[in-house]
C-alpha atoms as a PDB file:
ATOM      1  CA  MET A   1     115.712  54.447  27.933  1.00  0.00           C
ATOM      2  CA  LYS A   2     115.723  55.795  24.164  1.00  0.00           C
ATOM      3  CA  ILE A   3     113.036  55.850  21.468  1.00  0.00           C
ATOM      4  CA  PHE A   4     113.563  55.905  17.437  1.00  0.00           C
ATOM      5  CA  LYS A   5     110.269  57.697  16.094  1.00  0.00           C
ATOM      6  CA  GLN A   6     110.793  57.599  12.181  1.00  0.00           C
ATOM      7  CA  SER A   7     109.548  60.027  10.172  1.00  0.00           C
ATOM      8  CA  ALA A   8     108.800  59.720   6.299  1.00  0.00           C
ATOM      9  CA  LYS A   9     112.292  61.411   4.819  1.00  0.00           C
ATOM     10  CA  PHE A  10     114.240  59.164   6.891  1.00  0.00           C
ATOM     11  CA  ILE A  11     112.019  56.026   5.697  1.00  0.00           C
ATOM     12  CA  ALA A  12     112.952  56.947   2.433  1.00  0.00           C
ATOM     13  CA  LEU A  13     116.319  58.121   2.599  1.00  0.00           C
ATOM     14  CA  SER A  14     116.833  54.701   4.513  1.00  0.00           C
ATOM     15  CA  ILE A  15     115.363  53.061   1.608  1.00  0.00           C
ATOM     16  CA  ILE A  16     118.009  54.693  -1.169  1.00  0.00           C
ATOM     17  CA  ALA A  17     120.353  53.997   0.905  1.00  0.00           C
ATOM     18  CA  VAL A  18     119.902  50.262   1.450  1.00  0.00           C
ATOM     19  CA  LEU A  19     119.776  50.023  -2.574  1.00  0.00           C
ATOM     20  CA  ALA A  20     122.865  52.509  -2.825  1.00  0.00           C
ATOM     21  CA  SER A  21     124.927  50.144  -0.449  1.00  0.00           C
ATOM     22  CA  CYS A  22     123.088  47.443   2.007  1.00  0.00           C
ATOM     23  CA  THR A  23     125.737  48.994   5.181  1.00  0.00           C
ATOM     24  CA  GLU A  24     124.032  51.400   7.371  1.00  0.00           C
ATOM     25  CA  ASP A  25     120.428  52.260   8.362  1.00  0.00           C
ATOM     26  CA  ALA A  26     121.088  54.529  11.118  1.00  0.00           C
ATOM     27  CA  PRO A  27     117.445  56.328  13.105  1.00  0.00           C
ATOM     28  CA  VAL A  28     116.801  59.922  13.638  1.00  0.00           C
ATOM     29  CA  ASN A  29     115.155  62.054  15.559  1.00  0.00           C
ATOM     30  CA  ILE A  30     116.671  59.862  19.249  1.00  0.00           C
ATOM     31  CA  TYR A  31     114.620  61.224  22.038  1.00  0.00           C
ATOM     32  CA  ASP A  32     115.501  60.366  26.465  1.00  0.00           C
ATOM     33  CA  VAL A  33     113.502  58.708  28.122  1.00  0.00           C
ATOM     34  CA  PRO A  34     114.233  58.884  31.645  1.00  0.00           C
ATOM     35  CA  GLU A  35     113.575  56.496  34.187  1.00  0.00           C
ATOM     36  CA  SER A  36     111.305  58.706  36.905  1.00  0.00           C
ATOM     37  CA  TYR A  37     108.457  61.328  36.353  1.00  0.00           C
ATOM     38  CA  ASN A  38     110.974  64.091  37.012  1.00  0.00           C
ATOM     39  CA  PHE A  39     109.657  66.336  33.880  1.00  0.00           C
ATOM     40  CA  GLU A  40     111.220  70.491  34.485  1.00  0.00           C
ATOM     41  CA  ASN A  41     107.723  71.795  33.470  1.00  0.00           C
ATOM     42  CA  ALA A  42     105.458  69.188  34.914  1.00  0.00           C
ATOM     43  CA  SER A  43     102.626  70.762  36.699  1.00  0.00           C
ATOM     44  CA  TYR A  44      99.882  69.375  38.563  1.00  0.00           C
ATOM     45  CA  GLY A  45      99.590  71.068  41.481  1.00  0.00           C
ATOM     46  CA  GLY A  46      95.714  71.036  41.398  1.00  0.00           C
ATOM     47  CA  GLN A  47      95.770  67.243  41.430  1.00  0.00           C
ATOM     48  CA  VAL A  48      98.004  67.066  45.169  1.00  0.00           C
ATOM     49  CA  ASP A  49      95.745  69.709  46.714  1.00  0.00           C
ATOM     50  CA  ARG A  50      93.076  67.277  46.105  1.00  0.00           C
ATOM     51  CA  LEU A  51      94.440  64.675  47.223  1.00  0.00           C
ATOM     52  CA  ASN A  52      95.291  66.718  50.399  1.00  0.00           C
ATOM     53  CA  MET A  53      91.761  67.227  50.490  1.00  0.00           C
ATOM     54  CA  LEU A  54      90.380  63.828  50.620  1.00  0.00           C
ATOM     55  CA  ALA A  55      93.265  62.942  52.965  1.00  0.00           C
ATOM     56  CA  GLU A  56      91.976  64.985  55.634  1.00  0.00           C
ATOM     57  CA  LEU A  57      87.629  65.043  54.604  1.00  0.00           C
ATOM     58  CA  GLU A  58      89.235  61.013  55.355  1.00  0.00           C
ATOM     59  CA  THR A  59      90.569  62.023  58.603  1.00  0.00           C
ATOM     60  CA  TYR A  60      87.392  63.725  59.626  1.00  0.00           C
ATOM     61  CA  LEU A  61      84.761  61.446  58.779  1.00  0.00           C
ATOM     62  CA  LYS A  62      87.021  58.679  60.955  1.00  0.00           C
ATOM     63  CA  VAL A  63      85.872  60.438  64.383  1.00  0.00           C
ATOM     64  CA  ALA A  64      82.961  58.512  64.458  1.00  0.00           C
ATOM     65  CA  ASN A  65      84.629  55.121  64.203  1.00  0.00           C
ATOM     66  CA  GLU A  66      86.014  56.503  67.357  1.00  0.00           C
ATOM     67  CA  GLY A  67      82.511  57.337  68.847  1.00  0.00           C
ATOM     68  CA  GLY A  68      82.572  61.431  67.752  1.00  0.00           C
ATOM     69  CA  VAL A  69      79.972  62.808  66.141  1.00  0.00           C
ATOM     70  CA  VAL A  70      79.990  64.070  61.845  1.00  0.00           C
ATOM     71  CA  ASP A  71      78.178  67.080  61.063  1.00  0.00           C
ATOM     72  CA  ALA A  72      77.076  66.199  57.403  1.00  0.00           C
ATOM     73  CA  ALA A  73      77.371  69.799  56.410  1.00  0.00           C
ATOM     74  CA  ILE A  74      81.164  69.900  57.247  1.00  0.00           C
ATOM     75  CA  ALA A  75      82.118  66.505  55.363  1.00  0.00           C
ATOM     76  CA  LYS A  76      80.090  68.177  51.991  1.00  0.00           C
ATOM     77  CA  ALA A  77      81.867  71.648  52.668  1.00  0.00           C
ATOM     78  CA  MET A  78      84.875  69.597  52.562  1.00  0.00           C
ATOM     79  CA  PHE A  79      83.847  67.935  49.492  1.00  0.00           C
ATOM     80  CA  ALA A  80      82.716  70.592  47.845  1.00  0.00           C
ATOM     81  CA  ASN A  81      85.421  73.400  49.405  1.00  0.00           C
ATOM     82  CA  ASP A  82      82.490  75.552  50.558  1.00  0.00           C
ATOM     83  CA  ASP A  83      83.653  77.810  52.876  1.00  0.00           C
ATOM     84  CA  TYR A  84      85.602  74.954  55.003  1.00  0.00           C
ATOM     85  CA  THR A  85      88.482  76.307  56.836  1.00  0.00           C
ATOM     86  CA  TRP A  86      90.994  73.477  55.955  1.00  0.00           C
ATOM     87  CA  THR A  87      93.499  73.172  58.761  1.00  0.00           C
ATOM     88  CA  SER A  88      96.120  70.799  57.040  1.00  0.00           C
ATOM     89  CA  HIS A  89      96.329  72.978  53.531  1.00  0.00           C
ATOM     90  CA  ALA A  90      95.017  76.667  52.634  1.00  0.00           C
ATOM     91  CA  PHE A  91      92.892  75.543  49.872  1.00  0.00           C
ATOM     92  CA  ALA A  92      90.673  77.591  50.155  1.00  0.00           C
ATOM     93  CA  GLU A  93      92.879  80.827  49.956  1.00  0.00           C
ATOM     94  CA  ALA A  94      95.836  79.226  47.661  1.00  0.00           C
ATOM     95  CA  GLN A  95      93.149  77.729  45.460  1.00  0.00           C
ATOM     96  CA  PRO A  96      89.834  78.811  46.109  1.00  0.00           C
ATOM     97  CA  THR A  97      87.885  77.160  42.913  1.00  0.00           C
ATOM     98  CA  VAL A  98      90.144  73.358  43.566  1.00  0.00           C
ATOM     99  CA  GLN A  99      87.533  71.290  44.597  1.00  0.00           C
ATOM    100  CA  LEU A 100      86.359  67.061  44.783  1.00  0.00           C
ATOM    101  CA  LYS A 101      83.009  67.714  44.056  1.00  0.00           C
ATOM    102  CA  SER A 102      82.783  69.478  40.800  1.00  0.00           C
ATOM    103  CA  LYS A 103      85.391  66.788  39.316  1.00  0.00           C
ATOM    104  CA  THR A 104      83.722  63.523  40.854  1.00  0.00           C
ATOM    105  CA  PHE A 105      81.419  62.296  37.998  1.00  0.00           C
ATOM    106  CA  ALA A 106      78.040  63.661  38.199  1.00  0.00           C
ATOM    107  CA  ASP A 107      75.965  60.412  38.976  1.00  0.00           C
ATOM    108  CA  GLN A 108      77.950  59.725  42.433  1.00  0.00           C
ATOM    109  CA  GLN A 109      77.880  62.760  44.017  1.00  0.00           C
ATOM    110  CA  GLU A 110      74.557  62.824  45.265  1.00  0.00           C
ATOM    111  CA  ILE A 111      75.750  59.203  46.153  1.00  0.00           C
ATOM    112  CA  ILE A 112      78.323  60.718  47.700  1.00  0.00           C
ATOM    113  CA  GLU A 113      76.377  63.357  49.604  1.00  0.00           C
ATOM    114  CA  ALA A 114      73.606  60.856  50.809  1.00  0.00           C
ATOM    115  CA  LEU A 115      76.522  58.512  52.193  1.00  0.00           C
ATOM    116  CA  MET A 116      77.295  61.685  54.758  1.00  0.00           C
ATOM    117  CA  ASP A 117      74.160  62.100  55.573  1.00  0.00           C
ATOM    118  CA  GLU A 118      73.764  58.731  56.378  1.00  0.00           C
ATOM    119  CA  LEU A 119      77.184  58.525  58.626  1.00  0.00           C
ATOM    120  CA  ALA A 120      76.369  61.857  60.401  1.00  0.00           C
ATOM    121  CA  ASP A 121      73.355  59.675  61.532  1.00  0.00           C
ATOM    122  CA  LEU A 122      75.204  56.768  62.498  1.00  0.00           C
ATOM    123  CA  SER A 123      77.203  58.760  64.361  1.00  0.00           C
ATOM    124  CA  VAL A 124      74.684  59.506  66.737  1.00  0.00           C
ATOM    125  CA  ASN A 125      71.748  56.708  66.079  1.00  0.00           C
ATOM    126  CA  GLY A 126      74.452  53.906  65.545  1.00  0.00           C
ATOM    127  CA  THR A 127      76.555  51.257  67.156  1.00  0.00           C
ATOM    128  CA  LEU A 128      80.106  50.839  67.053  1.00  0.00           C
ATOM    129  CA  THR A 129      81.341  47.233  66.165  1.00  0.00           C
ATOM    130  CA  THR A 130      84.103  45.980  67.485  1.00  0.00           C
ATOM    131  CA  SER A 131      86.994  43.402  65.869  1.00  0.00           C
ATOM    132  CA  ALA A 132      87.394  39.744  68.259  1.00  0.00           C
ATOM    133  CA  ASN A 133      90.754  41.233  68.850  1.00  0.00           C
ATOM    134  CA  GLY A 134      89.155  44.567  70.686  1.00  0.00           C
ATOM    135  CA  GLU A 135      92.146  46.227  68.440  1.00  0.00           C
ATOM    136  CA  LYS A 136      89.775  48.251  65.395  1.00  0.00           C
ATOM    137  CA  THR A 137      86.331  49.727  66.029  1.00  0.00           C
ATOM    138  CA  TYR A 138      84.205  50.509  62.578  1.00  0.00           C
ATOM    139  CA  LEU A 139      80.089  51.925  62.491  1.00  0.00           C
ATOM    140  CA  PHE A 140      78.246  50.394  60.054  1.00  0.00           C
ATOM    141  CA  ASN A 141      74.706  50.770  58.379  1.00  0.00           C
ATOM    142  CA  GLU A 142      72.035  48.027  59.598  1.00  0.00           C
ATOM    143  CA  ASN A 143      73.095  45.865  56.917  1.00  0.00           C
ATOM    144  CA  GLY A 144      76.475  46.074  57.354  1.00  0.00           C
ATOM    145  CA  PHE A 145      77.691  48.279  54.720  1.00  0.00           C
ATOM    146  CA  GLU A 146      80.776  51.074  56.373  1.00  0.00           C
ATOM    147  CA  PRO A 147      79.304  54.656  55.049  1.00  0.00           C
ATOM    148  CA  ILE A 148      83.604  56.118  55.313  1.00  0.00           C
ATOM    149  CA  GLN A 149      84.748  54.199  53.051  1.00  0.00           C
ATOM    150  CA  LEU A 150      82.427  53.655  50.298  1.00  0.00           C
ATOM    151  CA  ILE A 151      82.663  57.913  50.654  1.00  0.00           C
ATOM    152  CA  SER A 152      86.436  58.051  50.543  1.00  0.00           C
ATOM    153  CA  LYS A 153      87.020  54.666  48.112  1.00  0.00           C
ATOM    154  CA  GLY A 154      84.296  56.238  45.791  1.00  0.00           C
ATOM    155  CA  ILE A 155      85.891  59.880  45.745  1.00  0.00           C
ATOM    156  CA  MET A 156      89.268  57.783  44.350  1.00  0.00           C
ATOM    157  CA  GLY A 157      87.358  56.045  42.101  1.00  0.00           C
ATOM    158  CA  ALA A 158      84.621  58.547  40.972  1.00  0.00           C
ATOM    159  CA  CYS A 159      87.065  61.467  41.229  1.00  0.00           C
ATOM    160  CA  PHE A 160      90.747  60.625  40.731  1.00  0.00           C
ATOM    161  CA  TYR A 161      90.406  57.410  38.916  1.00  0.00           C
ATOM    162  CA  TYR A 162      87.615  58.550  36.352  1.00  0.00           C
ATOM    163  CA  GLN A 163      89.651  62.004  35.959  1.00  0.00           C
ATOM    164  CA  GLY A 164      93.240  60.291  35.547  1.00  0.00           C
ATOM    165  CA  THR A 165      92.139  57.748  32.960  1.00  0.00           C
ATOM    166  CA  SER A 166      88.875  59.054  31.518  1.00  0.00           C
ATOM    167  CA  VAL A 167      88.620  62.743  31.375  1.00  0.00           C
ATOM    168  CA  TYR A 168      92.657  64.637  31.021  1.00  0.00           C
ATOM    169  CA  LEU A 169      93.765  61.734  28.208  1.00  0.00           C
ATOM    170  CA  SER A 170      90.710  61.781  26.538  1.00  0.00           C
ATOM    171  CA  ASP A 171      90.837  62.975  23.102  1.00  0.00           C
ATOM    172  CA  ALA A 172      89.660  66.003  23.756  1.00  0.00           C
ATOM    173  CA  LYS A 173      92.191  66.565  26.399  1.00  0.00           C
ATOM    174  CA  MET A 174      95.343  65.344  24.037  1.00  0.00           C
ATOM    175  CA  GLY A 175      93.735  66.694  20.736  1.00  0.00           C
ATOM    176  CA  VAL A 176      94.975  70.337  21.569  1.00  0.00           C
ATOM    177  CA  ASP A 177      98.098  71.300  19.799  1.00  0.00           C
ATOM    178  CA  ASN A 178     101.542  71.055  21.499  1.00  0.00           C
ATOM    179  CA  ASP A 179     102.925  74.542  21.572  1.00  0.00           C
ATOM    180  CA  VAL A 180     105.821  75.103  20.568  1.00  0.00           C
ATOM    181  CA  ASP A 181     106.884  78.614  21.387  1.00  0.00           C
ATOM    182  CA  ALA A 182     106.192  77.270  25.009  1.00  0.00           C
ATOM    183  CA  LEU A 183     107.973  74.431  24.615  1.00  0.00           C
ATOM    184  CA  ALA A 184     111.184  76.649  23.129  1.00  0.00           C
ATOM    185  CA  GLU A 185     110.492  78.986  26.808  1.00  0.00           C
ATOM    186  CA  GLY A 186     110.440  75.689  28.853  1.00  0.00           C
ATOM    187  CA  GLU A 187     107.128  76.415  29.571  1.00  0.00           C
ATOM    188  CA  TYR A 188     104.055  73.484  29.608  1.00  0.00           C
ATOM    189  CA  THR A 189     101.672  73.243  27.095  1.00  0.00           C
ATOM    190  CA  ASP A 190      97.951  72.312  27.561  1.00  0.00           C
ATOM    191  CA  MET A 191      98.999  69.197  26.466  1.00  0.00           C
ATOM    192  CA  GLN A 192     102.008  68.285  28.531  1.00  0.00           C
ATOM    193  CA  HIS A 193      99.567  69.766  31.674  1.00  0.00           C
ATOM    194  CA  HIS A 194      96.839  67.597  30.672  1.00  0.00           C
ATOM    195  CA  PHE A 195      98.896  64.704  30.850  1.00  0.00           C
ATOM    196  CA  ASP A 196     100.657  65.829  34.399  1.00  0.00           C
ATOM    197  CA  GLU A 197      97.114  66.038  35.590  1.00  0.00           C
ATOM    198  CA  SER A 198      96.374  62.385  34.728  1.00  0.00           C
ATOM    199  CA  PHE A 199      99.537  61.731  36.892  1.00  0.00           C
ATOM    200  CA  GLY A 200      98.973  64.049  39.656  1.00  0.00           C
ATOM    201  CA  TYR A 201      95.108  61.783  40.366  1.00  0.00           C
ATOM    202  CA  LEU A 202      97.295  58.703  40.362  1.00  0.00           C
ATOM    203  CA  GLY A 203      99.005  59.836  43.223  1.00  0.00           C
ATOM    204  CA  ALA A 204     102.462  58.277  43.398  1.00  0.00           C
ATOM    205  CA  PRO A 205     106.101  59.460  44.204  1.00  0.00           C
ATOM    206  CA  ILE A 206     107.707  60.005  40.691  1.00  0.00           C
ATOM    207  CA  GLU A 207     110.194  57.252  41.054  1.00  0.00           C
ATOM    208  CA  LEU A 208     107.425  54.704  41.821  1.00  0.00           C
ATOM    209  CA  SER A 209     108.087  50.920  40.920  1.00  0.00           C
ATOM    210  CA  VAL A 210     107.896  47.551  41.675  1.00  0.00           C
ATOM    211  CA  ALA A 211     111.270  47.285  43.606  1.00  0.00           C
ATOM    212  CA  ASN A 212     110.651  50.521  44.646  1.00  0.00           C
ATOM    213  CA  ALA A 213     106.024  50.348  45.780  1.00  0.00           C
ATOM    214  CA  ASP A 214     106.355  52.439  48.841  1.00  0.00           C
ATOM    215  CA  GLY A 215     104.565  56.023  49.299  1.00  0.00           C
ATOM    216  CA  GLY A 216     102.474  57.565  47.387  1.00  0.00           C
ATOM    217  CA  ALA A 217      98.499  58.488  48.009  1.00  0.00           C
ATOM    218  CA  PHE A 218      95.375  56.846  47.467  1.00  0.00           C
ATOM    219  CA  TRP A 219      96.097  55.126  43.960  1.00  0.00           C
ATOM    220  CA  GLY A 220      99.918  55.185  44.451  1.00  0.00           C
ATOM    221  CA  LYS A 221      99.811  53.684  47.600  1.00  0.00           C
ATOM    222  CA  TYR A 222      97.281  50.831  46.693  1.00  0.00           C
ATOM    223  CA  ALA A 223      99.673  50.119  43.400  1.00  0.00           C
ATOM    224  CA  LYS A 224     101.385  48.213  45.797  1.00  0.00           C
ATOM    225  CA  LYS A 225      98.589  45.275  46.034  1.00  0.00           C
ATOM    226  CA  THR A 226      99.580  44.313  42.466  1.00  0.00           C
ATOM    227  CA  THR A 227     102.479  43.102  43.433  1.00  0.00           C
ATOM    228  CA  ASN A 228     101.233  40.474  45.821  1.00  0.00           C
ATOM    229  CA  GLY A 229      99.704  38.662  42.486  1.00  0.00           C
ATOM    230  CA  GLY A 230     103.101  39.119  40.527  1.00  0.00           C
ATOM    231  CA  LEU A 231     101.896  41.862  38.291  1.00  0.00           C
ATOM    232  CA  SER A 232     104.499  44.303  36.791  1.00  0.00           C
ATOM    233  CA  THR A 233     101.561  46.717  36.741  1.00  0.00           C
ATOM    234  CA  ILE A 234     103.628  49.500  38.578  1.00  0.00           C
ATOM    235  CA  ASP A 235     105.967  49.393  36.109  1.00  0.00           C
ATOM    236  CA  ASN A 236     104.544  48.514  33.098  1.00  0.00           C
ATOM    237  CA  LEU A 237     102.431  51.749  34.747  1.00  0.00           C
ATOM    238  CA  MET A 238     104.995  54.250  35.267  1.00  0.00           C
ATOM    239  CA  GLN A 239     107.635  53.265  32.712  1.00  0.00           C
ATOM    240  CA  ASP A 240     105.488  52.134  29.329  1.00  0.00           C
ATOM    241  CA  GLY A 241     103.133  54.418  30.422  1.00  0.00           C
ATOM    242  CA  PHE A 242     102.983  57.809  32.080  1.00  0.00           C
ATOM    243  CA  ILE A 243     107.049  58.331  31.782  1.00  0.00           C
ATOM    244  CA  LEU A 244     107.116  57.525  27.907  1.00  0.00           C
ATOM    245  CA  GLY A 245     103.922  58.787  27.013  1.00  0.00           C
ATOM    246  CA  ARG A 246     105.304  62.737  28.618  1.00  0.00           C
ATOM    247  CA  ALA A 247     108.760  62.008  26.796  1.00  0.00           C
ATOM    248  CA  ALA A 248     106.996  61.326  23.668  1.00  0.00           C
ATOM    249  CA  ILE A 249     104.806  64.630  24.113  1.00  0.00           C
ATOM    250  CA  ASN A 250     107.722  66.652  24.621  1.00  0.00           C
ATOM    251  CA  ASN A 251     108.956  65.527  21.355  1.00  0.00           C
ATOM    252  CA  GLU A 252     105.420  65.276  19.402  1.00  0.00           C
ATOM    253  CA  ASP A 253     105.355  62.036  19.044  1.00  0.00           C
ATOM    254  CA  TYR A 254     101.941  61.168  19.261  1.00  0.00           C
ATOM    255  CA  ALA A 255     101.484  57.679  18.020  1.00  0.00           C
ATOM    256  CA  THR A 256     104.072  56.859  21.242  1.00  0.00           C
ATOM    257  CA  ARG A 257     101.597  58.664  23.052  1.00  0.00           C
ATOM    258  CA  ASP A 258      98.561  57.195  22.390  1.00  0.00           C
ATOM    259  CA  LYS A 259     100.258  53.713  22.655  1.00  0.00           C
ATOM    260  CA  ALA A 260     101.153  55.102  26.293  1.00  0.00           C
ATOM    261  CA  ILE A 261      97.849  55.912  27.167  1.00  0.00           C
ATOM    262  CA  GLY A 262      96.233  52.804  26.191  1.00  0.00           C
ATOM    263  CA  THR A 263      99.156  51.301  28.500  1.00  0.00           C
ATOM    264  CA  ILE A 264      98.222  53.389  31.466  1.00  0.00           C
ATOM    265  CA  ARG A 265      94.122  52.669  30.919  1.00  0.00           C
ATOM    266  CA  ALA A 266      94.778  49.059  31.414  1.00  0.00           C
ATOM    267  CA  GLU A 267      97.367  49.019  33.877  1.00  0.00           C
ATOM    268  CA  TRP A 268      95.397  51.165  36.446  1.00  0.00           C
ATOM    269  CA  GLU A 269      92.727  49.084  35.727  1.00  0.00           C
ATOM    270  CA  MET A 270      94.253  46.231  37.259  1.00  0.00           C
ATOM    271  CA  ILE A 271      94.811  48.658  40.976  1.00  0.00           C
ATOM    272  CA  PRO A 272      91.300  48.678  41.691  1.00  0.00           C
ATOM    273  CA  VAL A 273      90.846  44.574  40.672  1.00  0.00           C
ATOM    274  CA  ALA A 274      94.224  43.683  43.115  1.00  0.00           C
ATOM    275  CA  ALA A 275      93.113  45.535  46.006  1.00  0.00           C
ATOM    276  CA  ALA A 276      89.061  44.605  45.376  1.00  0.00           C
ATOM    277  CA  LEU A 277      91.057  40.761  45.826  1.00  0.00           C
ATOM    278  CA  HIS A 278      93.167  41.651  48.482  1.00  0.00           C
ATOM    279  CA  TYR A 279      90.252  42.779  50.564  1.00  0.00           C
ATOM    280  CA  LEU A 280      88.058  39.549  49.026  1.00  0.00           C
ATOM    281  CA  ASN A 281      90.293  37.366  50.210  1.00  0.00           C
ATOM    282  CA  GLY A 282      90.993  39.321  54.282  1.00  0.00           C
ATOM    283  CA  ALA A 283      87.558  39.048  54.756  1.00  0.00           C
ATOM    284  CA  ILE A 284      87.000  34.997  53.563  1.00  0.00           C
ATOM    285  CA  GLU A 285      89.846  35.068  56.146  1.00  0.00           C
ATOM    286  CA  ASP A 286      87.990  36.809  58.998  1.00  0.00           C
ATOM    287  CA  ILE A 287      84.741  36.179  58.199  1.00  0.00           C
ATOM    288  CA  ALA A 288      83.412  34.891  61.616  1.00  0.00           C
ATOM    289  CA  ASP A 289      84.364  38.747  62.949  1.00  0.00           C
ATOM    290  CA  ASP A 290      81.882  41.354  61.935  1.00  0.00           C
ATOM    291  CA  ALA A 291      84.088  43.956  62.029  1.00  0.00           C
ATOM    292  CA  LEU A 292      86.959  42.902  59.780  1.00  0.00           C
ATOM    293  CA  ARG A 293      84.704  41.265  57.613  1.00  0.00           C
ATOM    294  CA  ASN A 294      82.692  44.246  56.809  1.00  0.00           C
ATOM    295  CA  HIS A 295      85.472  47.029  56.378  1.00  0.00           C
ATOM    296  CA  GLN A 296      87.025  44.808  54.204  1.00  0.00           C
ATOM    297  CA  LEU A 297      84.070  43.976  52.164  1.00  0.00           C
ATOM    298  CA  SER A 298      82.905  47.433  52.069  1.00  0.00           C
ATOM    299  CA  GLU A 299      86.374  48.456  50.639  1.00  0.00           C
ATOM    300  CA  ALA A 300      86.277  45.259  48.189  1.00  0.00           C
ATOM    301  CA  ILE A 301      83.178  46.630  46.886  1.00  0.00           C
ATOM    302  CA  ALA A 302      83.855  50.572  46.564  1.00  0.00           C
ATOM    303  CA  PHE A 303      86.936  49.004  44.639  1.00  0.00           C
ATOM    304  CA  ILE A 304      85.011  46.933  42.047  1.00  0.00           C
ATOM    305  CA  SER A 305      82.394  49.948  41.728  1.00  0.00           C
ATOM    306  CA  ALA A 306      85.390  52.534  40.592  1.00  0.00           C
ATOM    307  CA  LEU A 307      86.148  49.986  37.938  1.00  0.00           C
ATOM    308  CA  GLU A 308      83.360  51.759  35.497  1.00  0.00           C
ATOM    309  CA  TYR A 309      85.128  54.968  35.584  1.00  0.00           C
ATOM    310  CA  ASN A 310      88.031  53.865  33.401  1.00  0.00           C
ATOM    311  CA  ALA A 311      87.178  55.240  28.966  1.00  0.00           C
ATOM    312  CA  GLU A 312      88.613  51.698  28.533  1.00  0.00           C
ATOM    313  CA  THR A 313      87.467  49.533  31.433  1.00  0.00           C
ATOM    314  CA  SER A 314      87.363  45.473  30.604  1.00  0.00           C
ATOM    315  CA  ILE A 315      84.162  45.198  32.827  1.00  0.00           C
ATOM    316  CA  THR A 316      80.843  46.213  31.868  1.00  0.00           C
ATOM    317  CA  ALA A 317      78.841  48.402  34.302  1.00  0.00           C
ATOM    318  CA  THR A 318      76.222  45.673  33.991  1.00  0.00           C
ATOM    319  CA  GLU A 319      78.878  43.130  35.130  1.00  0.00           C
ATOM    320  CA  ILE A 320      79.579  45.029  37.752  1.00  0.00           C
ATOM    321  CA  ASP A 321      76.236  45.631  39.157  1.00  0.00           C
ATOM    322  CA  ALA A 322      75.851  41.749  38.548  1.00  0.00           C
ATOM    323  CA  ILE A 323      79.091  40.876  40.563  1.00  0.00           C
ATOM    324  CA  ILE A 324      78.460  42.964  43.685  1.00  0.00           C
ATOM    325  CA  ALA A 325      75.324  41.426  44.004  1.00  0.00           C
ATOM    326  CA  GLU A 326      76.790  38.454  44.581  1.00  0.00           C
ATOM    327  CA  LEU A 327      77.354  39.477  48.257  1.00  0.00           C
ATOM    328  CA  GLY A 328      73.716  39.937  48.690  1.00  0.00           C
ATOM    329  CA  VAL A 329      72.245  42.944  50.493  1.00  0.00           C
ATOM    330  CA  ASN A 330      73.306  42.182  54.205  1.00  0.00           C
ATOM    331  CA  LEU A 331      77.290  41.776  55.038  1.00  0.00           C
ATOM    332  CA  TYR A 332      75.818  40.494  58.343  1.00  0.00           C
ATOM    333  CA  GLU A 333      74.563  37.570  56.249  1.00  0.00           C
ATOM    334  CA  VAL A 334      77.430  36.716  53.866  1.00  0.00           C
ATOM    335  CA  THR A 335      79.077  33.253  53.530  1.00  0.00           C
ATOM    336  CA  PRO A 336      82.711  32.356  52.604  1.00  0.00           C
ATOM    337  CA  GLU A 337      80.969  30.990  49.260  1.00  0.00           C
ATOM    338  CA  MET A 338      79.399  34.321  48.453  1.00  0.00           C
ATOM    339  CA  ILE A 339      82.702  35.660  48.752  1.00  0.00           C
ATOM    340  CA  ASN A 340      84.459  33.386  46.725  1.00  0.00           C
ATOM    341  CA  HIS A 341      82.110  33.255  44.170  1.00  0.00           C
ATOM    342  CA  VAL A 342      82.742  36.622  43.402  1.00  0.00           C
ATOM    343  CA  ARG A 343      86.366  36.657  43.732  1.00  0.00           C
ATOM    344  CA  THR A 344      86.591  34.040  40.858  1.00  0.00           C
ATOM    345  CA  SER A 345      83.908  35.758  38.675  1.00  0.00           C
ATOM    346  CA  LEU A 346      85.713  38.887  39.061  1.00  0.00           C
ATOM    347  CA  ALA A 347      89.680  37.363  38.227  1.00  0.00           C
ATOM    348  CA  ASP A 348      88.050  35.714  35.418  1.00  0.00           C
ATOM    349  CA  VAL A 349      86.733  38.837  33.601  1.00  0.00           C
ATOM    350  CA  PHE A 350      90.735  39.636  34.099  1.00  0.00           C
ATOM    351  CA  GLY A 351      92.999  36.580  33.515  1.00  0.00           C
ATOM    352  CA  ILE A 352      93.869  36.595  36.711  1.00  0.00           C
ATOM    353  CA  THR A 353      94.476  32.581  37.574  1.00  0.00           C
ATOM    354  CA  ASN A 354      96.108  32.984  41.308  1.00  0.00           C
ATOM    355  CA  ALA A 355      93.096  35.584  43.248  1.00  0.00           C
ATOM    356  CA  THR A 356      94.016  34.261  46.696  1.00  0.00           C
ATOM    357  CA  ASP A 357      97.507  35.481  46.447  1.00  0.00           C
ATOM    358  CA  TYR A 358      96.841  39.068  46.603  1.00  0.00           C
END
């Protein structure tokens, strides 16, 4: 794929050429756009670290689903990378300042830590709920909500999605000048690095596509849910969003970069929408199974909640709260009609007419 960027000088010369001969009008400033996010100076190691941190935190929290005890102090130390020794990656030694908590939307930090306290108490005093087929066990609070999912998916939304769509693509981050000297020397500029950091929070392999949708972590993994409804979200997000946007920055084509940023925000938004619809559909299918139903509803709630953190969100915080409220305050009492109403309300906001396909 090639992009043609026309300068004022080119436009003037084109007009002259047309007036003179009306024969040729060749664009200039052509630059190549690769098929994957395989840019030589791409740098998003800190984001990969945070993805791995959440993966290890999630693994620790899930011991509660096996009857194990969770220590809230340990979970909080992992969240803040505060005097915790990582077993799978030496984050504390390699990047001691990298953490999840400080990058999480401010008003969600205490909420997530409160959920960790609740999970720790439940792991001692709660009772596991087993699925009808005996294959799955989950730990819910007295109203059927699953703290593990609210914590993990909550961090995905209030940290990864928030940083990826709102912080690193903001005017404050993208408004910095490209360092021409750094470009000439093959190093990355601040603008390139910030754009890379946004991509890093997606958790996607560099060659992610609709045809190659397996792999990735967190949002990169859940992106596949969009294909169930026939959406071209992944290709749009990667090719017209991240890949084109980074190529445009490399060539100081800021109009194309800004268009790509709009595409990223619009297409990434469809991942939590598709994931929520997927789990709402599953909850209806498993309506008689307390374990499977409540597990899936907890995931759906967290994905719907995440929609708030996009700088160009298509849904207001008030609408999000109203949709979630339709499920009531006790998931043990939810009905298929209630879930269907939530599914319809969410689908209507995003113009989805085949919600049951997700």
